[in-house]
N, C-alpha and C. Protein backbone atom coordinates (compact mmCIF):
# COMPACT_ATOMS: atom_id res chain seq x y z
N MET A 1 -63.48 13.13 13.45
CA MET A 1 -62.38 14.05 13.67
C MET A 1 -61.25 13.73 12.70
N ALA A 2 -60.69 14.71 12.09
CA ALA A 2 -59.63 14.53 11.11
C ALA A 2 -58.33 14.14 11.81
N SER A 3 -57.54 13.32 11.12
CA SER A 3 -56.26 12.92 11.70
C SER A 3 -55.26 14.07 11.56
N MET A 4 -54.35 14.12 12.47
CA MET A 4 -53.36 15.20 12.53
C MET A 4 -52.02 14.68 12.02
N ASN A 5 -51.84 14.58 10.73
CA ASN A 5 -50.59 14.15 10.14
C ASN A 5 -49.91 15.36 9.51
N PHE A 6 -48.84 15.81 10.13
CA PHE A 6 -48.15 17.01 9.67
C PHE A 6 -47.05 16.69 8.66
N SER A 7 -46.82 15.42 8.42
CA SER A 7 -45.78 15.03 7.48
C SER A 7 -46.43 14.65 6.16
N SER A 8 -45.97 15.26 5.09
CA SER A 8 -46.53 14.93 3.78
C SER A 8 -45.81 13.73 3.16
N ALA A 9 -44.59 13.45 3.60
CA ALA A 9 -43.84 12.33 3.06
C ALA A 9 -44.24 11.04 3.77
N LYS A 10 -44.26 9.96 3.02
CA LYS A 10 -44.59 8.66 3.59
C LYS A 10 -43.43 8.18 4.46
N GLN A 11 -43.75 7.72 5.64
CA GLN A 11 -42.71 7.25 6.55
C GLN A 11 -42.43 5.78 6.26
N THR A 12 -41.17 5.44 6.17
CA THR A 12 -40.79 4.04 5.98
C THR A 12 -40.19 3.51 7.27
N ILE A 13 -40.51 2.29 7.55
CA ILE A 13 -40.02 1.65 8.77
C ILE A 13 -38.99 0.61 8.39
N LYS A 14 -37.81 0.72 9.00
CA LYS A 14 -36.76 -0.24 8.75
C LYS A 14 -36.62 -1.14 9.97
N PRO A 15 -36.58 -2.46 9.78
CA PRO A 15 -36.39 -3.34 10.93
C PRO A 15 -34.96 -3.25 11.44
N PRO A 16 -34.73 -3.53 12.72
CA PRO A 16 -33.37 -3.50 13.25
C PRO A 16 -32.53 -4.62 12.65
N GLN A 17 -31.23 -4.44 12.65
CA GLN A 17 -30.34 -5.47 12.10
C GLN A 17 -30.31 -6.70 13.00
N ARG A 18 -30.29 -6.48 14.29
CA ARG A 18 -30.25 -7.58 15.24
C ARG A 18 -31.20 -7.28 16.40
N GLY A 19 -31.50 -8.31 17.16
CA GLY A 19 -32.28 -8.10 18.37
C GLY A 19 -33.72 -8.54 18.26
N ILE A 20 -34.28 -8.62 17.07
CA ILE A 20 -35.65 -9.06 16.91
C ILE A 20 -35.63 -10.38 16.15
N PHE A 21 -36.16 -11.40 16.77
CA PHE A 21 -36.24 -12.69 16.10
C PHE A 21 -37.45 -13.43 16.66
N PRO A 22 -37.93 -14.48 15.97
CA PRO A 22 -39.14 -15.17 16.41
C PRO A 22 -39.02 -15.76 17.80
N LEU A 23 -40.13 -15.79 18.50
CA LEU A 23 -40.16 -16.41 19.82
C LEU A 23 -40.10 -17.92 19.69
N ASP A 24 -39.63 -18.56 20.69
CA ASP A 24 -39.50 -20.01 20.70
C ASP A 24 -40.80 -20.61 21.25
N HIS A 25 -41.86 -20.57 20.44
CA HIS A 25 -43.18 -21.03 20.89
C HIS A 25 -43.19 -22.52 21.22
N ASP A 26 -42.38 -23.31 20.53
CA ASP A 26 -42.37 -24.76 20.77
C ASP A 26 -41.37 -25.17 21.84
N ALA A 27 -40.74 -24.21 22.47
CA ALA A 27 -39.77 -24.44 23.55
C ALA A 27 -38.66 -25.39 23.13
N GLU A 28 -38.22 -25.25 21.89
CA GLU A 28 -37.15 -26.11 21.39
C GLU A 28 -35.82 -25.82 22.08
N CYS A 29 -35.58 -24.59 22.43
CA CYS A 29 -34.31 -24.21 23.04
C CYS A 29 -34.45 -23.90 24.53
N LYS A 30 -35.57 -24.25 25.10
CA LYS A 30 -35.82 -23.94 26.51
C LYS A 30 -34.78 -24.56 27.45
N PRO A 31 -34.36 -25.84 27.24
CA PRO A 31 -33.34 -26.39 28.15
C PRO A 31 -32.04 -25.57 28.15
N PHE A 32 -31.64 -25.08 26.98
CA PHE A 32 -30.42 -24.28 26.89
C PHE A 32 -30.61 -22.93 27.59
N LYS A 33 -31.79 -22.36 27.41
CA LYS A 33 -32.10 -21.08 28.08
C LYS A 33 -32.09 -21.26 29.59
N GLU A 34 -32.69 -22.35 30.07
CA GLU A 34 -32.75 -22.60 31.51
C GLU A 34 -31.35 -22.80 32.10
N LYS A 35 -30.49 -23.52 31.38
CA LYS A 35 -29.11 -23.71 31.85
C LYS A 35 -28.41 -22.36 31.99
N TYR A 36 -28.60 -21.50 30.98
CA TYR A 36 -27.96 -20.19 31.01
C TYR A 36 -28.49 -19.34 32.16
N LEU A 37 -29.80 -19.30 32.33
CA LEU A 37 -30.39 -18.49 33.41
C LEU A 37 -30.02 -19.03 34.78
N ASN A 38 -29.95 -20.35 34.92
CA ASN A 38 -29.52 -20.94 36.20
C ASN A 38 -28.07 -20.59 36.50
N CYS A 39 -27.25 -20.59 35.47
CA CYS A 39 -25.85 -20.20 35.65
C CYS A 39 -25.74 -18.74 36.10
N LEU A 40 -26.52 -17.87 35.46
CA LEU A 40 -26.50 -16.46 35.86
C LEU A 40 -26.92 -16.29 37.32
N LYS A 41 -27.92 -17.04 37.72
CA LYS A 41 -28.40 -16.96 39.10
C LYS A 41 -27.33 -17.46 40.07
N LYS A 42 -26.70 -18.58 39.71
CA LYS A 42 -25.67 -19.17 40.56
C LYS A 42 -24.44 -18.27 40.66
N GLU A 43 -24.08 -17.62 39.56
CA GLU A 43 -22.87 -16.80 39.51
C GLU A 43 -23.13 -15.33 39.79
N ALA A 44 -24.29 -15.00 40.35
CA ALA A 44 -24.65 -13.62 40.71
C ALA A 44 -24.56 -12.68 39.50
N ASP A 45 -25.12 -13.10 38.37
CA ASP A 45 -25.22 -12.30 37.14
C ASP A 45 -23.87 -11.93 36.53
N LYS A 46 -22.85 -12.70 36.79
CA LYS A 46 -21.55 -12.47 36.15
C LYS A 46 -21.56 -13.26 34.83
N HIS A 47 -22.03 -12.60 33.78
CA HIS A 47 -22.29 -13.28 32.52
C HIS A 47 -21.06 -13.89 31.87
N HIS A 48 -19.89 -13.36 32.17
CA HIS A 48 -18.68 -13.93 31.54
C HIS A 48 -18.40 -15.34 32.04
N LEU A 49 -18.94 -15.71 33.20
CA LEU A 49 -18.76 -17.06 33.72
C LEU A 49 -19.76 -18.04 33.10
N CYS A 50 -20.78 -17.53 32.42
CA CYS A 50 -21.81 -18.37 31.81
C CYS A 50 -21.73 -18.32 30.29
N ARG A 51 -20.63 -17.96 29.79
CA ARG A 51 -20.42 -17.74 28.37
C ARG A 51 -20.70 -18.98 27.52
N ASP A 52 -20.30 -20.16 28.00
CA ASP A 52 -20.52 -21.40 27.24
C ASP A 52 -22.00 -21.72 27.11
N PHE A 53 -22.77 -21.46 28.16
CA PHE A 53 -24.21 -21.71 28.11
C PHE A 53 -24.90 -20.74 27.15
N SER A 54 -24.44 -19.52 27.14
CA SER A 54 -24.97 -18.52 26.22
C SER A 54 -24.70 -18.92 24.78
N LYS A 55 -23.51 -19.39 24.55
CA LYS A 55 -23.11 -19.83 23.21
C LYS A 55 -23.98 -21.01 22.75
N GLU A 56 -24.22 -21.98 23.64
CA GLU A 56 -25.06 -23.12 23.30
C GLU A 56 -26.49 -22.69 22.98
N TYR A 57 -27.01 -21.74 23.75
CA TYR A 57 -28.37 -21.25 23.53
C TYR A 57 -28.49 -20.56 22.17
N LEU A 58 -27.55 -19.69 21.85
CA LEU A 58 -27.59 -19.01 20.56
C LEU A 58 -27.41 -19.99 19.40
N GLN A 59 -26.56 -20.98 19.58
CA GLN A 59 -26.37 -21.98 18.53
C GLN A 59 -27.66 -22.78 18.32
N CYS A 60 -28.36 -23.10 19.38
CA CYS A 60 -29.65 -23.79 19.28
C CYS A 60 -30.64 -22.96 18.48
N ARG A 61 -30.71 -21.68 18.78
CA ARG A 61 -31.65 -20.80 18.06
C ARG A 61 -31.30 -20.71 16.58
N MET A 62 -30.01 -20.65 16.27
CA MET A 62 -29.60 -20.58 14.86
C MET A 62 -29.89 -21.90 14.14
N ASP A 63 -29.67 -23.03 14.82
CA ASP A 63 -29.91 -24.33 14.20
C ASP A 63 -31.38 -24.54 13.87
N ARG A 64 -32.27 -23.93 14.64
CA ARG A 64 -33.71 -24.11 14.44
C ARG A 64 -34.36 -22.92 13.72
N ASN A 65 -33.53 -22.08 13.12
CA ASN A 65 -33.98 -20.91 12.35
C ASN A 65 -34.84 -19.95 13.18
N LEU A 66 -34.52 -19.84 14.46
CA LEU A 66 -35.20 -18.87 15.32
C LEU A 66 -34.45 -17.54 15.34
N MET A 67 -33.29 -17.54 14.72
CA MET A 67 -32.54 -16.31 14.50
C MET A 67 -31.62 -16.55 13.31
N ALA A 68 -31.17 -15.47 12.73
CA ALA A 68 -30.30 -15.58 11.55
C ALA A 68 -28.98 -16.25 11.92
N SER A 69 -28.53 -17.12 11.06
CA SER A 69 -27.24 -17.78 11.30
C SER A 69 -26.12 -16.76 11.14
N GLU A 70 -25.23 -16.79 12.09
CA GLU A 70 -24.09 -15.88 12.05
C GLU A 70 -22.93 -16.53 12.77
N ASP A 71 -21.74 -16.17 12.37
CA ASP A 71 -20.55 -16.69 13.00
C ASP A 71 -20.53 -16.27 14.47
N LEU A 72 -20.34 -17.23 15.36
CA LEU A 72 -20.35 -16.91 16.79
C LEU A 72 -19.22 -15.98 17.20
N ASP A 73 -18.13 -15.99 16.45
CA ASP A 73 -17.04 -15.05 16.73
C ASP A 73 -17.51 -13.61 16.59
N ARG A 74 -18.39 -13.37 15.62
CA ARG A 74 -18.91 -12.01 15.41
C ARG A 74 -19.93 -11.63 16.48
N LEU A 75 -20.43 -12.62 17.21
CA LEU A 75 -21.38 -12.35 18.29
C LEU A 75 -20.69 -12.21 19.64
N GLY A 76 -19.36 -12.19 19.64
CA GLY A 76 -18.62 -11.97 20.88
C GLY A 76 -18.08 -13.22 21.53
N PHE A 77 -18.00 -14.32 20.78
CA PHE A 77 -17.50 -15.56 21.35
C PHE A 77 -16.14 -15.95 20.80
N SER A 78 -15.38 -15.01 20.30
CA SER A 78 -14.04 -15.29 19.79
C SER A 78 -13.07 -15.47 20.96
N LYS A 79 -11.92 -16.00 20.66
CA LYS A 79 -10.89 -16.19 21.70
C LYS A 79 -10.45 -14.85 22.28
N GLU A 80 -10.41 -13.81 21.43
CA GLU A 80 -9.98 -12.50 21.89
C GLU A 80 -11.00 -11.85 22.83
N ALA A 81 -12.25 -12.26 22.73
CA ALA A 81 -13.29 -11.64 23.55
C ALA A 81 -13.48 -12.34 24.90
N THR A 82 -12.69 -13.35 25.16
CA THR A 82 -12.80 -14.07 26.42
C THR A 82 -12.36 -13.17 27.58
N VAL A 83 -13.17 -13.15 28.63
CA VAL A 83 -12.86 -12.34 29.81
C VAL A 83 -12.06 -13.21 30.78
N GLU A 84 -10.90 -12.73 31.16
CA GLU A 84 -10.06 -13.45 32.11
C GLU A 84 -9.72 -12.55 33.29
N LYS A 85 -9.73 -13.13 34.45
CA LYS A 85 -9.36 -12.44 35.68
C LYS A 85 -10.17 -11.16 35.90
N ALA A 86 -11.47 -11.28 35.75
CA ALA A 86 -12.33 -10.12 35.97
C ALA A 86 -12.39 -9.83 37.47
N VAL A 87 -12.23 -8.59 37.82
CA VAL A 87 -12.27 -8.17 39.22
C VAL A 87 -13.49 -7.29 39.41
N GLU A 88 -14.31 -7.66 40.37
CA GLU A 88 -15.52 -6.88 40.62
C GLU A 88 -15.19 -5.72 41.56
N TYR A 89 -15.78 -4.58 41.28
CA TYR A 89 -15.58 -3.40 42.11
C TYR A 89 -16.18 -3.65 43.49
N ASP A 90 -15.44 -3.38 44.55
CA ASP A 90 -15.88 -3.72 45.90
C ASP A 90 -16.64 -2.59 46.61
N LYS A 91 -16.79 -1.45 45.98
CA LYS A 91 -17.51 -0.30 46.54
C LYS A 91 -16.92 0.17 47.87
N SER A 92 -15.61 0.06 48.01
CA SER A 92 -14.97 0.45 49.26
C SER A 92 -15.09 1.95 49.51
N LYS A 93 -15.04 2.77 48.45
CA LYS A 93 -15.17 4.22 48.64
C LYS A 93 -16.56 4.57 49.16
N GLU A 94 -17.58 3.93 48.60
CA GLU A 94 -18.95 4.22 49.03
C GLU A 94 -19.19 3.75 50.46
N LYS A 95 -18.61 2.61 50.82
CA LYS A 95 -18.75 2.11 52.19
C LYS A 95 -18.07 3.05 53.18
N GLY A 96 -17.05 3.76 52.74
CA GLY A 96 -16.34 4.71 53.58
C GLY A 96 -17.01 6.08 53.65
N GLY A 97 -18.15 6.24 52.98
CA GLY A 97 -18.87 7.50 53.06
C GLY A 97 -18.75 8.40 51.85
N TYR A 98 -18.04 7.98 50.83
CA TYR A 98 -17.87 8.80 49.63
C TYR A 98 -19.20 8.97 48.90
N VAL A 99 -19.49 10.19 48.51
CA VAL A 99 -20.67 10.49 47.72
C VAL A 99 -20.21 11.20 46.45
N ALA A 100 -20.60 10.67 45.31
CA ALA A 100 -20.17 11.24 44.03
C ALA A 100 -20.66 12.67 43.91
N GLY A 101 -19.76 13.57 43.49
CA GLY A 101 -20.12 14.96 43.27
C GLY A 101 -19.91 15.87 44.47
N LYS A 102 -19.73 15.32 45.63
CA LYS A 102 -19.56 16.14 46.84
C LYS A 102 -18.21 16.83 46.87
N HIS A 103 -17.25 16.35 46.11
CA HIS A 103 -15.92 16.93 46.11
C HIS A 103 -15.84 18.20 45.25
N ILE A 104 -16.87 18.52 44.50
CA ILE A 104 -16.86 19.68 43.62
C ILE A 104 -17.23 20.92 44.43
N ASP A 105 -16.36 21.91 44.40
CA ASP A 105 -16.60 23.14 45.14
C ASP A 105 -17.30 24.16 44.25
N GLY A 106 -18.20 24.90 44.83
CA GLY A 106 -18.87 25.97 44.10
C GLY A 106 -19.97 25.49 43.19
N ARG A 107 -20.64 26.44 42.65
CA ARG A 107 -21.76 26.14 41.77
C ARG A 107 -21.26 26.03 40.32
N MET A 108 -21.68 25.01 39.64
CA MET A 108 -21.29 24.80 38.25
C MET A 108 -22.04 25.77 37.35
N LYS A 109 -21.40 26.24 36.29
CA LYS A 109 -22.05 27.12 35.34
C LYS A 109 -22.33 26.36 34.06
N TRP A 110 -23.43 26.68 33.45
CA TRP A 110 -23.78 26.11 32.17
C TRP A 110 -22.86 26.70 31.11
N TRP A 111 -22.79 26.03 29.95
CA TRP A 111 -21.89 26.47 28.89
C TRP A 111 -22.22 27.88 28.42
N PHE A 112 -23.48 28.28 28.47
CA PHE A 112 -23.85 29.59 28.00
C PHE A 112 -23.64 30.68 29.05
N GLN A 113 -23.30 30.30 30.29
CA GLN A 113 -23.06 31.26 31.35
C GLN A 113 -21.57 31.58 31.50
N ARG A 114 -20.72 30.86 30.81
CA ARG A 114 -19.27 31.05 30.96
C ARG A 114 -18.77 32.23 30.21
């Protein structure tokens, strides 16, 4: 059966700038990863409280050439990017019976119906 290629131009694939890097097959940075994951579990996934562990893990990966070396400030670890006094939403409106969208009266019209 013939292949169905409707494009006459050759497709080129570009790798992403970030996000893809070699796996840690030798578990060189596993202790740092475990510390970070344990912190996330302890802090109920509030990642800003585990920031130092994340920084150590990324530094380990860069030191062992498991990811491209980059300034940690550019990865979100600068002084300006520090989260202070974060307040978690308490869902008080939802607990009181609020349902999103119920306050809208009437039927919405699409842009082409206006």
